[in-house]
Amino acid sequence: MSNKKDLIVRAAKKEDMGAVAALIKELALYEKAPEEAILSAEDLVRDGFNRRPSFRCLVAEEEGKILGMACYYERYSTWKGKTLFLEDLVVQESARRKGAGKALFETLRTLAKEGGYKRLEWQVLDWNEPAIAFYKKIEGCGLDETWINCRIEFS
């Protein structure tokens, strides 16, 4: 997939889900909602590695250690067609600003283009200035600020 010096971006495997779950918890803590991240590594294995996976995941690793991940899934736009939605892109705080986030994003961008997807979409919290700056560098933030996000949660 991607290789920058010793940094490798690859498709995640079942055995990576412990590290992915830890990154999700780190992200939830950063986003001031640690109690919201309730999935376990076992849940991720169940949901991501079956006949109809609910998500796919890339990991960035260096010397065998996972530094970051990008979880994404397919959506469909009745106006544009196939779309990839980036649910989470997170790099361990200690590994940030070393290229892992960019490598993950660029790998996902390439997968989307090569897969015939019409869009790559994601969300970012309005107060998350480092993430907004990151996405602006790759010319992808603030393209459409007219939509309101809605959801209903079931326990």
C-alpha atoms as a PDB file:
ATOM      1  CA  MET A   1       0.000   0.000   0.000  1.00  0.00           C
ATOM      2  CA  SER A   2       2.204   2.870   1.241  1.00  0.00           C
ATOM      3  CA  ASN A   3       5.763   2.856   2.485  1.00  0.00           C
ATOM      4  CA  LYS A   4       7.534   5.990   3.735  1.00  0.00           C
ATOM      5  CA  LYS A   5      10.878   4.950   5.159  1.00  0.00           C
ATOM      6  CA  ASP A   6       9.857   2.369   7.754  1.00  0.00           C
ATOM      7  CA  LEU A   7       6.183   3.407   7.789  1.00  0.00           C
ATOM      8  CA  ILE A   8       3.831   0.905   6.169  1.00  0.00           C
ATOM      9  CA  VAL A   9       0.118   1.381   5.507  1.00  0.00           C
ATOM     10  CA  ARG A  10      -1.777  -1.851   4.991  1.00  0.00           C
ATOM     11  CA  ALA A  11      -5.195  -3.429   5.342  1.00  0.00           C
ATOM     12  CA  ALA A  12      -5.923  -4.285   8.963  1.00  0.00           C
ATOM     13  CA  LYS A  13      -6.152  -7.900  10.100  1.00  0.00           C
ATOM     14  CA  LYS A  14      -8.205  -9.473  12.889  1.00  0.00           C
ATOM     15  CA  GLU A  15      -5.178  -9.502  15.151  1.00  0.00           C
ATOM     16  CA  ASP A  16      -4.822  -5.711  14.750  1.00  0.00           C
ATOM     17  CA  MET A  17      -8.194  -4.979  16.323  1.00  0.00           C
ATOM     18  CA  GLY A  18      -6.784  -4.699  19.863  1.00  0.00           C
ATOM     19  CA  ALA A  19      -4.551  -1.842  18.717  1.00  0.00           C
ATOM     20  CA  VAL A  20      -7.413  -0.335  16.686  1.00  0.00           C
ATOM     21  CA  ALA A  21      -9.715  -0.467  19.732  1.00  0.00           C
ATOM     22  CA  ALA A  22      -7.032   1.309  21.791  1.00  0.00           C
ATOM     23  CA  LEU A  23      -6.760   4.037  19.129  1.00  0.00           C
ATOM     24  CA  ILE A  24     -10.540   4.453  19.143  1.00  0.00           C
ATOM     25  CA  LYS A  25     -10.464   4.880  22.938  1.00  0.00           C
ATOM     26  CA  GLU A  26      -7.657   7.448  22.573  1.00  0.00           C
ATOM     27  CA  LEU A  27      -9.745   9.351  20.019  1.00  0.00           C
ATOM     28  CA  ALA A  28     -12.846   9.244  22.238  1.00  0.00           C
ATOM     29  CA  LEU A  29     -10.821  10.641  25.150  1.00  0.00           C
ATOM     30  CA  TYR A  30      -9.457  13.425  22.915  1.00  0.00           C
ATOM     31  CA  GLU A  31     -12.992  14.212  21.742  1.00  0.00           C
ATOM     32  CA  LYS A  32     -14.117  14.456  25.397  1.00  0.00           C
ATOM     33  CA  ALA A  33     -16.453  11.461  25.169  1.00  0.00           C
ATOM     34  CA  PRO A  34     -14.574   8.429  26.516  1.00  0.00           C
ATOM     35  CA  GLU A  35     -17.775   6.817  27.780  1.00  0.00           C
ATOM     36  CA  GLU A  36     -19.192   6.756  24.237  1.00  0.00           C
ATOM     37  CA  ALA A  37     -16.579   4.346  22.828  1.00  0.00           C
ATOM     38  CA  ILE A  38     -18.057   1.057  23.998  1.00  0.00           C
ATOM     39  CA  LEU A  39     -16.883  -1.404  21.318  1.00  0.00           C
ATOM     40  CA  SER A  40     -14.292  -4.012  22.181  1.00  0.00           C
ATOM     41  CA  ALA A  41     -11.670  -5.579  19.947  1.00  0.00           C
ATOM     42  CA  GLU A  42     -13.937  -8.629  19.784  1.00  0.00           C
ATOM     43  CA  ASP A  43     -16.822  -6.456  18.525  1.00  0.00           C
ATOM     44  CA  LEU A  44     -14.556  -5.020  15.838  1.00  0.00           C
ATOM     45  CA  VAL A  45     -13.485  -8.508  14.744  1.00  0.00           C
ATOM     46  CA  ARG A  46     -17.115  -9.663  14.619  1.00  0.00           C
ATOM     47  CA  ASP A  47     -18.295  -6.614  12.663  1.00  0.00           C
ATOM     48  CA  GLY A  48     -15.330  -6.150  10.353  1.00  0.00           C
ATOM     49  CA  PHE A  49     -14.277  -9.674   9.459  1.00  0.00           C
ATOM     50  CA  ASN A  50     -17.336 -11.587   8.355  1.00  0.00           C
ATOM     51  CA  ARG A  51     -19.107 -12.303   5.044  1.00  0.00           C
ATOM     52  CA  ARG A  52     -20.531  -8.756   4.925  1.00  0.00           C
ATOM     53  CA  PRO A  53     -18.126  -6.519   6.852  1.00  0.00           C
ATOM     54  CA  SER A  54     -19.623  -3.340   8.294  1.00  0.00           C
ATOM     55  CA  PHE A  55     -16.319  -1.496   7.877  1.00  0.00           C
ATOM     56  CA  ARG A  56     -12.821  -1.776   6.510  1.00  0.00           C
ATOM     57  CA  CYS A  57      -9.705  -0.511   8.159  1.00  0.00           C
ATOM     58  CA  LEU A  58      -6.189   0.540   7.249  1.00  0.00           C
ATOM     59  CA  VAL A  59      -3.370   0.627   9.764  1.00  0.00           C
ATOM     60  CA  ALA A  60      -0.087   2.512   9.713  1.00  0.00           C
ATOM     61  CA  GLU A  61       2.742   0.640  11.348  1.00  0.00           C
ATOM     62  CA  GLU A  62       6.400   1.195  11.961  1.00  0.00           C
ATOM     63  CA  GLU A  63       8.713  -1.605  13.024  1.00  0.00           C
ATOM     64  CA  GLY A  64       5.677  -3.815  13.651  1.00  0.00           C
ATOM     65  CA  LYS A  65       3.944  -1.296  15.944  1.00  0.00           C
ATOM     66  CA  ILE A  66       0.596   0.167  14.904  1.00  0.00           C
ATOM     67  CA  LEU A  67       0.736   3.972  15.104  1.00  0.00           C
ATOM     68  CA  GLY A  68      -2.577   4.877  13.487  1.00  0.00           C
ATOM     69  CA  MET A  69      -5.654   3.673  11.681  1.00  0.00           C
ATOM     70  CA  ALA A  70      -8.363   4.745   9.277  1.00  0.00           C
ATOM     71  CA  CYS A  71     -11.750   3.008   9.513  1.00  0.00           C
ATOM     72  CA  TYR A  72     -14.089   3.501   6.574  1.00  0.00           C
ATOM     73  CA  TYR A  73     -17.112   2.026   4.853  1.00  0.00           C
ATOM     74  CA  GLU A  74     -19.102   2.296   1.667  1.00  0.00           C
ATOM     75  CA  ARG A  75     -22.143   4.541   1.296  1.00  0.00           C
ATOM     76  CA  TYR A  76     -24.249   5.412  -1.646  1.00  0.00           C
ATOM     77  CA  SER A  77     -25.254   8.837  -2.927  1.00  0.00           C
ATOM     78  CA  THR A  78     -28.371   8.922  -5.056  1.00  0.00           C
ATOM     79  CA  TRP A  79     -26.837  11.949  -6.786  1.00  0.00           C
ATOM     80  CA  LYS A  80     -23.256  10.776  -7.295  1.00  0.00           C
ATOM     81  CA  GLY A  81     -23.070   7.008  -6.740  1.00  0.00           C
ATOM     82  CA  LYS A  82     -20.572   5.008  -4.699  1.00  0.00           C
ATOM     83  CA  THR A  83     -18.960   6.935  -1.839  1.00  0.00           C
ATOM     84  CA  LEU A  84     -16.383   5.985   0.779  1.00  0.00           C
ATOM     85  CA  PHE A  85     -17.006   7.416   4.227  1.00  0.00           C
ATOM     86  CA  LEU A  86     -14.041   7.829   6.555  1.00  0.00           C
ATOM     87  CA  GLU A  87     -15.410   7.148  10.031  1.00  0.00           C
ATOM     88  CA  ASP A  88     -12.190   7.679  11.968  1.00  0.00           C
ATOM     89  CA  LEU A  89      -8.611   8.618  11.213  1.00  0.00           C
ATOM     90  CA  VAL A  90      -6.458   8.592  14.314  1.00  0.00           C
ATOM     91  CA  VAL A  91      -2.740   8.479  15.025  1.00  0.00           C
ATOM     92  CA  GLN A  92      -1.289   7.937  18.490  1.00  0.00           C
ATOM     93  CA  GLU A  93      -0.487  11.289  20.037  1.00  0.00           C
ATOM     94  CA  SER A  94       3.174  10.329  20.448  1.00  0.00           C
ATOM     95  CA  ALA A  95       3.445   9.520  16.715  1.00  0.00           C
ATOM     96  CA  ARG A  96       1.749  12.581  15.253  1.00  0.00           C
ATOM     97  CA  ARG A  97       3.405  14.923  12.753  1.00  0.00           C
ATOM     98  CA  LYS A  98       5.549  12.116  11.342  1.00  0.00           C
ATOM     99  CA  GLY A  99       3.488  11.381   8.240  1.00  0.00           C
ATOM    100  CA  ALA A 100       1.307   8.484   9.404  1.00  0.00           C
ATOM    101  CA  GLY A 101      -1.959  10.419   9.133  1.00  0.00           C
ATOM    102  CA  LYS A 102      -1.120  11.692   5.677  1.00  0.00           C
ATOM    103  CA  ALA A 103      -0.028   8.226   4.546  1.00  0.00           C
ATOM    104  CA  LEU A 104      -3.296   6.716   5.795  1.00  0.00           C
ATOM    105  CA  PHE A 105      -5.381   9.409   4.134  1.00  0.00           C
ATOM    106  CA  GLU A 106      -3.509   9.251   0.823  1.00  0.00           C
ATOM    107  CA  THR A 107      -3.842   5.453   0.761  1.00  0.00           C
ATOM    108  CA  LEU A 108      -7.580   5.778   1.328  1.00  0.00           C
ATOM    109  CA  ARG A 109      -7.809   8.464  -1.375  1.00  0.00           C
ATOM    110  CA  THR A 110      -6.048   6.114  -3.804  1.00  0.00           C
ATOM    111  CA  LEU A 111      -8.348   3.213  -2.869  1.00  0.00           C
ATOM    112  CA  ALA A 112     -11.370   5.436  -3.486  1.00  0.00           C
ATOM    113  CA  LYS A 113     -10.132   6.626  -6.878  1.00  0.00           C
ATOM    114  CA  GLU A 114      -9.061   3.178  -8.036  1.00  0.00           C
ATOM    115  CA  GLY A 115     -12.301   1.647  -6.739  1.00  0.00           C
ATOM    116  CA  GLY A 116     -14.443   3.946  -8.873  1.00  0.00           C
ATOM    117  CA  TYR A 117     -15.890   5.838  -5.924  1.00  0.00           C
ATOM    118  CA  LYS A 118     -17.261   9.280  -6.723  1.00  0.00           C
ATOM    119  CA  ARG A 119     -16.517  10.825  -3.325  1.00  0.00           C
ATOM    120  CA  LEU A 120     -14.543  10.401  -0.149  1.00  0.00           C
ATOM    121  CA  GLU A 121     -16.377  11.969   2.788  1.00  0.00           C
ATOM    122  CA  TRP A 122     -15.762  12.491   6.484  1.00  0.00           C
ATOM    123  CA  GLN A 123     -16.684  14.747   9.386  1.00  0.00           C
ATOM    124  CA  VAL A 124     -14.574  16.783  11.755  1.00  0.00           C
ATOM    125  CA  LEU A 125     -15.610  18.475  14.980  1.00  0.00           C
ATOM    126  CA  ASP A 126     -15.726  22.258  14.613  1.00  0.00           C
ATOM    127  CA  TRP A 127     -13.416  22.751  17.615  1.00  0.00           C
ATOM    128  CA  ASN A 128     -10.751  20.253  16.449  1.00  0.00           C
ATOM    129  CA  GLU A 129      -8.336  22.807  15.006  1.00  0.00           C
ATOM    130  CA  PRO A 130      -5.424  20.363  14.419  1.00  0.00           C
ATOM    131  CA  ALA A 131      -7.678  18.048  12.387  1.00  0.00           C
ATOM    132  CA  ILE A 132      -9.208  20.956  10.468  1.00  0.00           C
ATOM    133  CA  ALA A 133      -5.717  22.235   9.624  1.00  0.00           C
ATOM    134  CA  PHE A 134      -4.686  18.729   8.508  1.00  0.00           C
ATOM    135  CA  TYR A 135      -7.710  18.378   6.220  1.00  0.00           C
ATOM    136  CA  LYS A 136      -7.281  21.886   4.809  1.00  0.00           C
ATOM    137  CA  LYS A 137      -3.719  20.964   3.786  1.00  0.00           C
ATOM    138  CA  ILE A 138      -5.132  18.149   1.682  1.00  0.00           C
ATOM    139  CA  GLU A 139      -7.808  20.462   0.269  1.00  0.00           C
ATOM    140  CA  GLY A 140     -10.770  18.668   1.713  1.00  0.00           C
ATOM    141  CA  CYS A 141     -12.227  20.595   4.635  1.00  0.00           C
ATOM    142  CA  GLY A 142     -15.180  22.915   4.700  1.00  0.00           C
ATOM    143  CA  LEU A 143     -16.455  22.048   1.257  1.00  0.00           C
ATOM    144  CA  ASP A 144     -20.051  21.943   2.380  1.00  0.00           C
ATOM    145  CA  GLU A 145     -21.185  23.593   5.566  1.00  0.00           C
ATOM    146  CA  THR A 146     -24.898  23.672   4.732  1.00  0.00           C
ATOM    147  CA  TRP A 147     -25.826  20.200   6.008  1.00  0.00           C
ATOM    148  CA  ILE A 148     -26.908  19.427   9.565  1.00  0.00           C
ATOM    149  CA  ASN A 149     -25.890  16.030  10.922  1.00  0.00           C
ATOM    150  CA  CYS A 150     -28.694  13.995  12.478  1.00  0.00           C
ATOM    151  CA  ARG A 151     -28.943  10.581  14.112  1.00  0.00           C
ATOM    152  CA  ILE A 152     -30.998   8.334  16.325  1.00  0.00           C
ATOM    153  CA  GLU A 153     -29.159   5.979  18.669  1.00  0.00           C
ATOM    154  CA  PHE A 154     -30.390   2.587  19.795  1.00  0.00           C
ATOM    155  CA  SER A 155     -28.926   0.864  22.833  1.00  0.00           C
END
